[in-house]
Amino acid sequence: MAISKYLHKGVPMLARSQACVAALTAILLLTLNGAAGAEEQAWRSLFDGKTLGDWKSVNFGGEGEVSVSDGAILMAQGVNLTGATYQKAPPKTNYEIRFEAKRLEGIDFFAGLTFPVEDSFCSWIVGGWGGAVVGLSSIDGKDASQNETTKYMGFDDNRWYRFRLKVTPEKIAGWIDDKLVIDQNIKDRKITTRNEVTDSQPLGFSAWQSTAAIRKIEIRDVGKKAD
């Protein structure tokens, strides 16, 4: 009888325990979902694939033509630099930008992205210095070929590559085809661009002695809640 008595009381106790676990699990999931929502907002398109819209050719001097072709911004090879700059104000930090790019011809960088970093700017160079250097220009005055972000990678002509860049007050991170290639702490570091791409600020693409195409340009806020 004593055993039966305790078993009888144990049923509702077990049910209450299961209910508590379920409730805590639900709260945890809501918290995690909320944190994810605060961290990653919806992507916003910066290019409709039909017209240059808010993008404008940069007068570097000796630049090639900038046009729209097959859903992409086409930057024709110039004497040196050809580029397009975004005419609206982008975020200064806590954002991600993603895009696709390919080199049609040439032997140097085809995806030079200049972007804001707080009150300064930086450039992500892809395929520079003869076609292989990937890195940030500049950190403490050293460009993409001379600092700790320097990497050497091969790029095929006429192949689309996927790029994603994340900027926070602490770090700049960059991915190519979902592979992390830039993971740079920027606290207490001097972040600048080279003088050649000053006119690409605040947000712009450029190519050096190469014909390049850029498409699917999108941006989103990270690290803060939506308004």
Foldseek 3Di string as FASTA:
>chain_A
DVVVVVVVVVPVVVVVVVVVVVVVVVVVVVVVVVQVQFFWDDKDFPAPLPWCVQKDKDPLDQFADWTRDPSWTKGAFGPWKIKIAGNDDDDQAQKKKKWKKFFADFFAWFWWKWAHHRPAIKIFTALHDRGFWTAIPDKQRRHSCPDPLTDGDHHDGPDIWMKMWHGHNFWIWMDINNHTRGTDGCVVIDHHHDPSCPRNPPIMTMITRTIMIMHDIIMTGGDGHDD
